[in-house]
Amino acid sequence: MADDNEARIALEAAAFRRLRDHLRARTDVQNIDLMNLAGFCRNCLSNWYSEAAAAAGTPIGKDEAREIVYGMPYDEWRALYQREASAADAAAFAARAHKE
């Protein structure tokens, strides 16, 4: 049974790394796009990573978790890739936020 659990954890870790790498490569997809379509973004993923680390007894800071997800410091990623949200995107995000 332990082998099955270890295999499951390894597969989940591989899937996480693939998602992380996919999001790193898709710098054209903005966080607000992800939030509006999927209800999570790179920042959410980094928060979940940080929460998992804390639960495992190895807490990491917000900046370190974001660098793990973004592949670079968050401020650098923002300067290179983040664009201003359109009025339509911002309105969609605001409307979605009121539903939760």
PDB file of N, CA and C in Angstrom:
ATOM      1  N   MET A   1       0.819  -1.200   0.000  1.00  0.00           N
ATOM      2  CA  MET A   1       0.000   0.000   0.000  1.00  0.00           C
ATOM      3  C   MET A   1       0.862   1.263   0.000  1.00  0.00           C
ATOM      4  N   ALA A   2       1.979   1.244   0.727  1.00  0.00           N
ATOM      5  CA  ALA A   2       2.867   2.403   0.753  1.00  0.00           C
ATOM      6  C   ALA A   2       3.403   2.703  -0.634  1.00  0.00           C
ATOM      7  N   ASP A   3       3.685   1.662  -1.399  1.00  0.00           N
ATOM      8  CA  ASP A   3       4.175   1.866  -2.758  1.00  0.00           C
ATOM      9  C   ASP A   3       3.128   2.573  -3.611  1.00  0.00           C
ATOM     10  N   ASP A   4       1.857   2.198  -3.435  1.00  0.00           N
ATOM     11  CA  ASP A   4       0.779   2.855  -4.172  1.00  0.00           C
ATOM     12  C   ASP A   4       0.695   4.327  -3.796  1.00  0.00           C
ATOM     13  N   ASN A   5       0.839   4.640  -2.532  1.00  0.00           N
ATOM     14  CA  ASN A   5       0.789   6.026  -2.076  1.00  0.00           C
ATOM     15  C   ASN A   5       1.978   6.814  -2.614  1.00  0.00           C
ATOM     16  N   GLU A   6       3.160   6.211  -2.581  1.00  0.00           N
ATOM     17  CA  GLU A   6       4.346   6.881  -3.117  1.00  0.00           C
ATOM     18  C   GLU A   6       4.202   7.118  -4.619  1.00  0.00           C
ATOM     19  N   ALA A   7       3.639   6.159  -5.326  1.00  0.00           N
ATOM     20  CA  ALA A   7       3.426   6.317  -6.768  1.00  0.00           C
ATOM     21  C   ALA A   7       2.429   7.442  -7.034  1.00  0.00           C
ATOM     22  N   ARG A   8       1.360   7.493  -6.243  1.00  0.00           N
ATOM     23  CA  ARG A   8       0.346   8.548  -6.409  1.00  0.00           C
ATOM     24  C   ARG A   8       0.979   9.918  -6.163  1.00  0.00           C
ATOM     25  N   ILE A   9       1.776  10.026  -5.109  1.00  0.00           N
ATOM     26  CA  ILE A   9       2.428  11.299  -4.794  1.00  0.00           C
ATOM     27  C   ILE A   9       3.378  11.706  -5.914  1.00  0.00           C
ATOM     28  N   ALA A  10       4.124  10.761  -6.446  1.00  0.00           N
ATOM     29  CA  ALA A  10       5.048  11.059  -7.549  1.00  0.00           C
ATOM     30  C   ALA A  10       4.289  11.528  -8.783  1.00  0.00           C
ATOM     31  N   LEU A  11       3.160  10.901  -9.078  1.00  0.00           N
ATOM     32  CA  LEU A  11       2.357  11.313 -10.235  1.00  0.00           C
ATOM     33  C   LEU A  11       1.752  12.691 -10.023  1.00  0.00           C
ATOM     34  N   GLU A  12       1.269  12.958  -8.817  1.00  0.00           N
ATOM     35  CA  GLU A  12       0.720  14.280  -8.515  1.00  0.00           C
ATOM     36  C   GLU A  12       1.800  15.348  -8.624  1.00  0.00           C
ATOM     37  N   ALA A  13       2.989  15.046  -8.141  1.00  0.00           N
ATOM     38  CA  ALA A  13       4.100  15.999  -8.234  1.00  0.00           C
ATOM     39  C   ALA A  13       4.465  16.264  -9.684  1.00  0.00           C
ATOM     40  N   ALA A  14       4.476  15.217 -10.503  1.00  0.00           N
ATOM     41  CA  ALA A  14       4.783  15.382 -11.928  1.00  0.00           C
ATOM     42  C   ALA A  14       3.722  16.241 -12.608  1.00  0.00           C
ATOM     43  N   ALA A  15       2.462  16.023 -12.255  1.00  0.00           N
ATOM     44  CA  ALA A  15       1.383  16.829 -12.838  1.00  0.00           C
ATOM     45  C   ALA A  15       1.512  18.288 -12.412  1.00  0.00           C
ATOM     46  N   PHE A  16       1.848  18.537 -11.143  1.00  0.00           N
ATOM     47  CA  PHE A  16       2.065  19.896 -10.678  1.00  0.00           C
ATOM     48  C   PHE A  16       3.193  20.566 -11.459  1.00  0.00           C
ATOM     49  N   ARG A  17       4.316  19.855 -11.607  1.00  0.00           N
ATOM     50  CA  ARG A  17       5.447  20.447 -12.325  1.00  0.00           C
ATOM     51  C   ARG A  17       5.072  20.758 -13.769  1.00  0.00           C
ATOM     52  N   ARG A  18       4.275  19.904 -14.374  1.00  0.00           N
ATOM     53  CA  ARG A  18       3.860  20.161 -15.759  1.00  0.00           C
ATOM     54  C   ARG A  18       2.954  21.391 -15.827  1.00  0.00           C
ATOM     55  N   LEU A  19       2.026  21.518 -14.900  1.00  0.00           N
ATOM     56  CA  LEU A  19       1.172  22.713 -14.853  1.00  0.00           C
ATOM     57  C   LEU A  19       2.015  23.953 -14.614  1.00  0.00           C
ATOM     58  N   ARG A  20       2.928  23.891 -13.651  1.00  0.00           N
ATOM     59  CA  ARG A  20       3.810  25.021 -13.363  1.00  0.00           C
ATOM     60  C   ARG A  20       4.600  25.429 -14.607  1.00  0.00           C
ATOM     61  N   ASP A  21       5.193  24.463 -15.278  1.00  0.00           N
ATOM     62  CA  ASP A  21       5.998  24.756 -16.470  1.00  0.00           C
ATOM     63  C   ASP A  21       5.132  25.296 -17.609  1.00  0.00           C
ATOM     64  N   HIS A  22       3.921  24.779 -17.729  1.00  0.00           N
ATOM     65  CA  HIS A  22       3.000  25.273 -18.764  1.00  0.00           C
ATOM     66  C   HIS A  22       2.653  26.738 -18.504  1.00  0.00           C
ATOM     67  N   LEU A  23       2.360  27.062 -17.254  1.00  0.00           N
ATOM     68  CA  LEU A  23       2.025  28.449 -16.923  1.00  0.00           C
ATOM     69  C   LEU A  23       3.231  29.369 -17.095  1.00  0.00           C
ATOM     70  N   ARG A  24       4.426  28.863 -16.800  1.00  0.00           N
ATOM     71  CA  ARG A  24       5.629  29.673 -17.024  1.00  0.00           C
ATOM     72  C   ARG A  24       5.814  29.980 -18.505  1.00  0.00           C
ATOM     73  N   ALA A  25       5.515  29.014 -19.354  1.00  0.00           N
ATOM     74  CA  ALA A  25       5.687  29.198 -20.793  1.00  0.00           C
ATOM     75  C   ALA A  25       4.598  30.079 -21.396  1.00  0.00           C
ATOM     76  N   ARG A  26       3.429  30.099 -20.804  1.00  0.00           N
ATOM     77  CA  ARG A  26       2.305  30.862 -21.347  1.00  0.00           C
ATOM     78  C   ARG A  26       2.200  32.232 -20.698  1.00  0.00           C
ATOM     79  N   THR A  27       3.240  33.021 -20.864  1.00  0.00           N
ATOM     80  CA  THR A  27       3.255  34.361 -20.293  1.00  0.00           C
ATOM     81  C   THR A  27       2.217  35.274 -20.938  1.00  0.00           C
ATOM     82  N   ASP A  28       1.692  34.858 -22.098  1.00  0.00           N
ATOM     83  CA  ASP A  28       0.640  35.637 -22.750  1.00  0.00           C
ATOM     84  C   ASP A  28      -0.689  35.529 -22.010  1.00  0.00           C
ATOM     85  N   VAL A  29      -0.848  34.493 -21.211  1.00  0.00           N
ATOM     86  CA  VAL A  29      -2.082  34.307 -20.443  1.00  0.00           C
ATOM     87  C   VAL A  29      -1.914  35.044 -19.121  1.00  0.00           C
ATOM     88  N   GLN A  30      -2.738  36.034 -18.930  1.00  0.00           N
ATOM     89  CA  GLN A  30      -2.678  36.867 -17.736  1.00  0.00           C
ATOM     90  C   GLN A  30      -3.395  36.185 -16.569  1.00  0.00           C
ATOM     91  N   ASN A  31      -3.010  36.551 -15.357  1.00  0.00           N
ATOM     92  CA  ASN A  31      -3.672  35.985 -14.182  1.00  0.00           C
ATOM     93  C   ASN A  31      -5.166  36.279 -14.170  1.00  0.00           C
ATOM     94  N   ILE A  32      -5.551  37.462 -14.613  1.00  0.00           N
ATOM     95  CA  ILE A  32      -6.981  37.782 -14.619  1.00  0.00           C
ATOM     96  C   ILE A  32      -7.729  36.881 -15.610  1.00  0.00           C
ATOM     97  N   ASP A  33      -7.070  36.498 -16.708  1.00  0.00           N
ATOM     98  CA  ASP A  33      -7.684  35.553 -17.644  1.00  0.00           C
ATOM     99  C   ASP A  33      -7.933  34.220 -16.947  1.00  0.00           C
ATOM    100  N   LEU A  34      -6.921  33.753 -16.227  1.00  0.00           N
ATOM    101  CA  LEU A  34      -7.054  32.496 -15.499  1.00  0.00           C
ATOM    102  C   LEU A  34      -8.156  32.589 -14.444  1.00  0.00           C
ATOM    103  N   MET A  35      -8.187  33.692 -13.706  1.00  0.00           N
ATOM    104  CA  MET A  35      -9.212  33.858 -12.674  1.00  0.00           C
ATOM    105  C   MET A  35     -10.610  33.871 -13.277  1.00  0.00           C
ATOM    106  N   ASN A  36     -10.768  34.584 -14.382  1.00  0.00           N
ATOM    107  CA  ASN A  36     -12.087  34.686 -14.990  1.00  0.00           C
ATOM    108  C   ASN A  36     -12.548  33.366 -15.598  1.00  0.00           C
ATOM    109  N   LEU A  37     -11.622  32.579 -16.099  1.00  0.00           N
ATOM    110  CA  LEU A  37     -11.993  31.325 -16.756  1.00  0.00           C
ATOM    111  C   LEU A  37     -11.964  30.118 -15.823  1.00  0.00           C
ATOM    112  N   ALA A  38     -10.990  30.073 -14.935  1.00  0.00           N
ATOM    113  CA  ALA A  38     -10.794  28.864 -14.145  1.00  0.00           C
ATOM    114  C   ALA A  38     -10.971  29.060 -12.643  1.00  0.00           C
ATOM    115  N   GLY A  39     -11.030  30.302 -12.200  1.00  0.00           N
ATOM    116  CA  GLY A  39     -11.214  30.556 -10.779  1.00  0.00           C
ATOM    117  C   GLY A  39      -9.949  30.440  -9.953  1.00  0.00           C
ATOM    118  N   PHE A  40      -8.793  30.366 -10.606  1.00  0.00           N
ATOM    119  CA  PHE A  40      -7.515  30.384  -9.911  1.00  0.00           C
ATOM    120  C   PHE A  40      -6.476  30.976 -10.846  1.00  0.00           C
ATOM    121  N   CYS A  41      -5.340  31.372 -10.266  1.00  0.00           N
ATOM    122  CA  CYS A  41      -4.262  31.940 -11.073  1.00  0.00           C
ATOM    123  C   CYS A  41      -2.913  31.500 -10.511  1.00  0.00           C
ATOM    124  N   ARG A  42      -1.867  32.029 -11.060  1.00  0.00           N
ATOM    125  CA  ARG A  42      -0.513  31.690 -10.593  1.00  0.00           C
ATOM    126  C   ARG A  42      -0.336  32.050  -9.120  1.00  0.00           C
ATOM    127  N   ASN A  43      -0.903  33.159  -8.698  1.00  0.00           N
ATOM    128  CA  ASN A  43      -0.790  33.554  -7.291  1.00  0.00           C
ATOM    129  C   ASN A  43      -1.515  32.567  -6.386  1.00  0.00           C
ATOM    130  N   CYS A  44      -2.670  32.085  -6.819  1.00  0.00           N
ATOM    131  CA  CYS A  44      -3.390  31.065  -6.055  1.00  0.00           C
ATOM    132  C   CYS A  44      -2.527  29.819  -5.924  1.00  0.00           C
ATOM    133  N   LEU A  45      -1.937  29.400  -7.024  1.00  0.00           N
ATOM    134  CA  LEU A  45      -1.089  28.216  -7.020  1.00  0.00           C
ATOM    135  C   LEU A  45       0.081  28.396  -6.060  1.00  0.00           C
ATOM    136  N   SER A  46       0.677  29.572  -6.051  1.00  0.00           N
ATOM    137  CA  SER A  46       1.794  29.805  -5.131  1.00  0.00           C
ATOM    138  C   SER A  46       1.302  29.831  -3.679  1.00  0.00           C
ATOM    139  N   ASN A  47       0.099  30.348  -3.446  1.00  0.00           N
ATOM    140  CA  ASN A  47      -0.463  30.328  -2.089  1.00  0.00           C
ATOM    141  C   ASN A  47      -0.706  28.885  -1.632  1.00  0.00           C
ATOM    142  N   TRP A  48      -1.239  28.054  -2.519  1.00  0.00           N
ATOM    143  CA  TRP A  48      -1.480  26.649  -2.182  1.00  0.00           C
ATOM    144  C   TRP A  48      -0.164  25.937  -1.886  1.00  0.00           C
ATOM    145  N   TYR A  49       0.872  26.261  -2.649  1.00  0.00           N
ATOM    146  CA  TYR A  49       2.188  25.675  -2.429  1.00  0.00           C
ATOM    147  C   TYR A  49       2.705  26.068  -1.042  1.00  0.00           C
ATOM    148  N   SER A  50       2.587  27.335  -0.727  1.00  0.00           N
ATOM    149  CA  SER A  50       3.036  27.834   0.575  1.00  0.00           C
ATOM    150  C   SER A  50       2.249  27.183   1.704  1.00  0.00           C
ATOM    151  N   GLU A  51       0.945  27.047   1.542  1.00  0.00           N
ATOM    152  CA  GLU A  51       0.112  26.402   2.563  1.00  0.00           C
ATOM    153  C   GLU A  51       0.507  24.944   2.749  1.00  0.00           C
ATOM    154  N   ALA A  52       0.794  24.241   1.643  1.00  0.00           N
ATOM    155  CA  ALA A  52       1.211  22.844   1.735  1.00  0.00           C
ATOM    156  C   ALA A  52       2.557  22.733   2.450  1.00  0.00           C
ATOM    157  N   ALA A  53       3.461  23.652   2.150  1.00  0.00           N
ATOM    158  CA  ALA A  53       4.768  23.654   2.809  1.00  0.00           C
ATOM    159  C   ALA A  53       4.605  23.869   4.310  1.00  0.00           C
ATOM    160  N   ALA A  54       3.756  24.814   4.693  1.00  0.00           N
ATOM    161  CA  ALA A  54       3.520  25.082   6.114  1.00  0.00           C
ATOM    162  C   ALA A  54       2.907  23.858   6.796  1.00  0.00           C
ATOM    163  N   ALA A  55       1.952  23.217   6.125  1.00  0.00           N
ATOM    164  CA  ALA A  55       1.314  22.023   6.692  1.00  0.00           C
ATOM    165  C   ALA A  55       2.313  20.879   6.857  1.00  0.00           C
ATOM    166  N   ALA A  56       3.333  20.845   6.003  1.00  0.00           N
ATOM    167  CA  ALA A  56       4.365  19.812   6.081  1.00  0.00           C
ATOM    168  C   ALA A  56       5.468  20.173   7.074  1.00  0.00           C
ATOM    169  N   GLY A  57       5.361  21.344   7.694  1.00  0.00           N
ATOM    170  CA  GLY A  57       6.342  21.751   8.685  1.00  0.00           C
ATOM    171  C   GLY A  57       7.558  22.456   8.120  1.00  0.00           C
ATOM    172  N   THR A  58       7.485  22.858   6.856  1.00  0.00           N
ATOM    173  CA  THR A  58       8.592  23.593   6.223  1.00  0.00           C
ATOM    174  C   THR A  58       8.047  24.859   5.578  1.00  0.00           C
ATOM    175  N   PRO A  59       7.610  25.802   6.406  1.00  0.00           N
ATOM    176  CA  PRO A  59       6.999  27.016   5.844  1.00  0.00           C
ATOM    177  C   PRO A  59       7.961  27.784   4.941  1.00  0.00           C
ATOM    178  N   ILE A  60       7.392  28.355   3.903  1.00  0.00           N
ATOM    179  CA  ILE A  60       8.146  29.229   3.006  1.00  0.00           C
ATOM    180  C   ILE A  60       7.353  30.518   2.849  1.00  0.00           C
ATOM    181  N   GLY A  61       8.035  31.569   2.520  1.00  0.00           N
ATOM    182  CA  GLY A  61       7.399  32.868   2.382  1.00  0.00           C
ATOM    183  C   GLY A  61       6.656  33.024   1.060  1.00  0.00           C
ATOM    184  N   LYS A  62       5.840  34.044   1.019  1.00  0.00           N
ATOM    185  CA  LYS A  62       5.044  34.355  -0.159  1.00  0.00           C
ATOM    186  C   LYS A  62       5.929  34.587  -1.384  1.00  0.00           C
ATOM    187  N   ASP A  63       6.991  35.355  -1.218  1.00  0.00           N
ATOM    188  CA  ASP A  63       7.870  35.654  -2.348  1.00  0.00           C
ATOM    189  C   ASP A  63       8.561  34.403  -2.870  1.00  0.00           C
ATOM    190  N   GLU A  64       9.018  33.547  -1.968  1.00  0.00           N
ATOM    191  CA  GLU A  64       9.678  32.303  -2.382  1.00  0.00           C
ATOM    192  C   GLU A  64       8.700  31.383  -3.116  1.00  0.00           C
ATOM    193  N   ALA A  65       7.475  31.285  -2.614  1.00  0.00           N
ATOM    194  CA  ALA A  65       6.470  30.446  -3.270  1.00  0.00           C
ATOM    195  C   ALA A  65       6.141  30.984  -4.664  1.00  0.00           C
ATOM    196  N   ARG A  66       6.025  32.296  -4.779  1.00  0.00           N
ATOM    197  CA  ARG A  66       5.753  32.876  -6.093  1.00  0.00           C
ATOM    198  C   ARG A  66       6.899  32.635  -7.060  1.00  0.00           C
ATOM    199  N   GLU A  67       8.136  32.716  -6.573  1.00  0.00           N
ATOM    200  CA  GLU A  67       9.275  32.471  -7.462  1.00  0.00           C
ATOM    201  C   GLU A  67       9.293  31.021  -7.935  1.00  0.00           C
ATOM    202  N   ILE A  68       8.855  30.092  -7.092  1.00  0.00           N
ATOM    203  CA  ILE A  68       8.758  28.689  -7.497  1.00  0.00           C
ATOM    204  C   ILE A  68       7.746  28.537  -8.630  1.00  0.00           C
ATOM    205  N   VAL A  69       6.630  29.214  -8.528  1.00  0.00           N
ATOM    206  CA  VAL A  69       5.582  29.111  -9.554  1.00  0.00           C
ATOM    207  C   VAL A  69       5.941  29.905 -10.806  1.00  0.00           C
ATOM    208  N   TYR A  70       6.388  31.138 -10.642  1.00  0.00           N
ATOM    209  CA  TYR A  70       6.664  32.008 -11.789  1.00  0.00           C
ATOM    210  C   TYR A  70       8.000  31.715 -12.466  1.00  0.00           C
ATOM    211  N   GLY A  71       8.934  31.104 -11.741  1.00  0.00           N
ATOM    212  CA  GLY A  71      10.249  30.839 -12.302  1.00  0.00           C
ATOM    213  C   GLY A  71      11.187  32.030 -12.243  1.00  0.00           C
ATOM    214  N   MET A  72      10.773  33.051 -11.557  1.00  0.00           N
ATOM    215  CA  MET A  72      11.561  34.281 -11.370  1.00  0.00           C
ATOM    216  C   MET A  72      10.858  35.097 -10.298  1.00  0.00           C
ATOM    217  N   PRO A  73      11.517  36.104  -9.762  1.00  0.00           N
ATOM    218  CA  PRO A  73      10.825  36.959  -8.789  1.00  0.00           C
ATOM    219  C   PRO A  73       9.541  37.551  -9.393  1.00  0.00           C
ATOM    220  N   TYR A  74       8.523  37.615  -8.569  1.00  0.00           N
ATOM    221  CA  TYR A  74       7.207  38.085  -9.030  1.00  0.00           C
ATOM    222  C   TYR A  74       7.275  39.478  -9.646  1.00  0.00           C
ATOM    223  N   ASP A  75       7.998  40.392  -9.032  1.00  0.00           N
ATOM    224  CA  ASP A  75       8.089  41.750  -9.572  1.00  0.00           C
ATOM    225  C   ASP A  75       8.729  41.761 -10.961  1.00  0.00           C
ATOM    226  N   GLU A  76       9.698  40.875 -11.156  1.00  0.00           N
ATOM    227  CA  GLU A  76      10.324  40.775 -12.479  1.00  0.00           C
ATOM    228  C   GLU A  76       9.329  40.259 -13.512  1.00  0.00           C
ATOM    229  N   TRP A  77       8.558  39.228 -13.146  1.00  0.00           N
ATOM    230  CA  TRP A  77       7.553  38.685 -14.056  1.00  0.00           C
ATOM    231  C   TRP A  77       6.527  39.766 -14.411  1.00  0.00           C
ATOM    232  N   ARG A  78       6.081  40.498 -13.407  1.00  0.00           N
ATOM    233  CA  ARG A  78       5.098  41.559 -13.650  1.00  0.00           C
ATOM    234  C   ARG A  78       5.651  42.601 -14.613  1.00  0.00           C
ATOM    235  N   ALA A  79       6.893  43.007 -14.413  1.00  0.00           N
ATOM    236  CA  ALA A  79       7.504  44.015 -15.290  1.00  0.00           C
ATOM    237  C   ALA A  79       7.639  43.510 -16.718  1.00  0.00           C
ATOM    238  N   LEU A  80       7.934  42.243 -16.867  1.00  0.00           N
ATOM    239  CA  LEU A  80       8.139  41.677 -18.203  1.00  0.00           C
ATOM    240  C   LEU A  80       6.841  41.330 -18.929  1.00  0.00           C
ATOM    241  N   TYR A  81       5.842  40.816 -18.192  1.00  0.00           N
ATOM    242  CA  TYR A  81       4.703  40.183 -18.865  1.00  0.00           C
ATOM    243  C   TYR A  81       3.317  40.709 -18.504  1.00  0.00           C
ATOM    244  N   GLN A  82       3.159  41.294 -17.346  1.00  0.00           N
ATOM    245  CA  GLN A  82       1.810  41.681 -16.949  1.00  0.00           C
ATOM    246  C   GLN A  82       1.367  42.938 -17.674  1.00  0.00           C
ATOM    247  N   ARG A  83       0.147  42.902 -18.166  1.00  0.00           N
ATOM    248  CA  ARG A  83      -0.438  44.075 -18.807  1.00  0.00           C
ATOM    249  C   ARG A  83      -1.640  44.527 -17.977  1.00  0.00           C
ATOM    250  N   GLU A  84      -2.028  45.744 -18.227  1.00  0.00           N
ATOM    251  CA  GLU A  84      -3.210  46.290 -17.529  1.00  0.00           C
ATOM    252  C   GLU A  84      -4.446  45.495 -17.959  1.00  0.00           C
ATOM    253  N   ALA A  85      -5.271  45.140 -16.993  1.00  0.00           N
ATOM    254  CA  ALA A  85      -6.505  44.423 -17.300  1.00  0.00           C
ATOM    255  C   ALA A  85      -7.446  45.335 -18.054  1.00  0.00           C
ATOM    256  N   SER A  86      -8.107  44.753 -19.035  1.00  0.00           N
ATOM    257  CA  SER A  86      -9.099  45.535 -19.774  1.00  0.00           C
ATOM    258  C   SER A  86     -10.297  45.801 -18.868  1.00  0.00           C
ATOM    259  N   ALA A  87     -11.094  46.787 -19.246  1.00  0.00           N
ATOM    260  CA  ALA A  87     -12.301  47.094 -18.478  1.00  0.00           C
ATOM    261  C   ALA A  87     -13.228  45.888 -18.441  1.00  0.00           C
ATOM    262  N   ALA A  88     -13.322  45.172 -19.552  1.00  0.00           N
ATOM    263  CA  ALA A  88     -14.180  43.984 -19.615  1.00  0.00           C
ATOM    264  C   ALA A  88     -13.672  42.882 -18.688  1.00  0.00           C
ATOM    265  N   ASP A  89     -12.355  42.665 -18.679  1.00  0.00           N
ATOM    266  CA  ASP A  89     -11.781  41.648 -17.792  1.00  0.00           C
ATOM    267  C   ASP A  89     -12.008  42.019 -16.329  1.00  0.00           C
ATOM    268  N   ALA A  90     -11.786  43.267 -15.997  1.00  0.00           N
ATOM    269  CA  ALA A  90     -11.971  43.723 -14.622  1.00  0.00           C
ATOM    270  C   ALA A  90     -13.430  43.588 -14.188  1.00  0.00           C
ATOM    271  N   ALA A  91     -14.359  43.917 -15.083  1.00  0.00           N
ATOM    272  CA  ALA A  91     -15.780  43.793 -14.778  1.00  0.00           C
ATOM    273  C   ALA A  91     -16.174  42.326 -14.584  1.00  0.00           C
ATOM    274  N   ALA A  92     -15.652  41.452 -15.435  1.00  0.00           N
ATOM    275  CA  ALA A  92     -15.937  40.013 -15.305  1.00  0.00           C
ATOM    276  C   ALA A  92     -15.401  39.477 -13.983  1.00  0.00           C
ATOM    277  N   PHE A  93     -14.215  39.926 -13.613  1.00  0.00           N
ATOM    278  CA  PHE A  93     -13.632  39.500 -12.341  1.00  0.00           C
ATOM    279  C   PHE A  93     -14.476  39.996 -11.176  1.00  0.00           C
ATOM    280  N   ALA A  94     -14.880  41.237 -11.219  1.00  0.00           N
ATOM    281  CA  ALA A  94     -15.704  41.804 -10.141  1.00  0.00           C
ATOM    282  C   ALA A  94     -17.044  41.086 -10.032  1.00  0.00           C
ATOM    283  N   ALA A  95     -17.654  40.771 -11.165  1.00  0.00           N
ATOM    284  CA  ALA A  95     -18.937  40.071 -11.151  1.00  0.00           C
ATOM    285  C   ALA A  95     -18.773  38.668 -10.569  1.00  0.00           C
ATOM    286  N   ARG A  96     -17.682  38.006 -10.919  1.00  0.00           N
ATOM    287  CA  ARG A  96     -17.422  36.671 -10.416  1.00  0.00           C
ATOM    288  C   ARG A  96     -17.168  36.695  -8.918  1.00  0.00           C
ATOM    289  N   ALA A  97     -16.466  37.711  -8.433  1.00  0.00           N
ATOM    290  CA  ALA A  97     -16.129  37.812  -7.019  1.00  0.00           C
ATOM    291  C   ALA A  97     -17.384  37.940  -6.161  1.00  0.00           C
ATOM    292  N   HIS A  98     -18.397  38.567  -6.686  1.00  0.00           N
ATOM    293  CA  HIS A  98     -19.642  38.738  -5.923  1.00  0.00           C
ATOM    294  C   HIS A  98     -20.434  37.446  -5.813  1.00  0.00           C
ATOM    295  N   LYS A  99     -20.175  36.479  -6.670  1.00  0.00           N
ATOM    296  CA  LYS A  99     -20.896  35.212  -6.651  1.00  0.00           C
ATOM    297  C   LYS A  99     -20.328  34.245  -5.623  1.00  0.00           C
ATOM    298  N   GLU A 100     -19.104  34.483  -5.170  1.00  0.00           N
ATOM    299  CA  GLU A 100     -18.459  33.528  -4.251  1.00  0.00           C
ATOM    300  C   GLU A 100     -18.628  33.922  -2.825  1.00  0.00           C
TER     301      GLU A 100
END
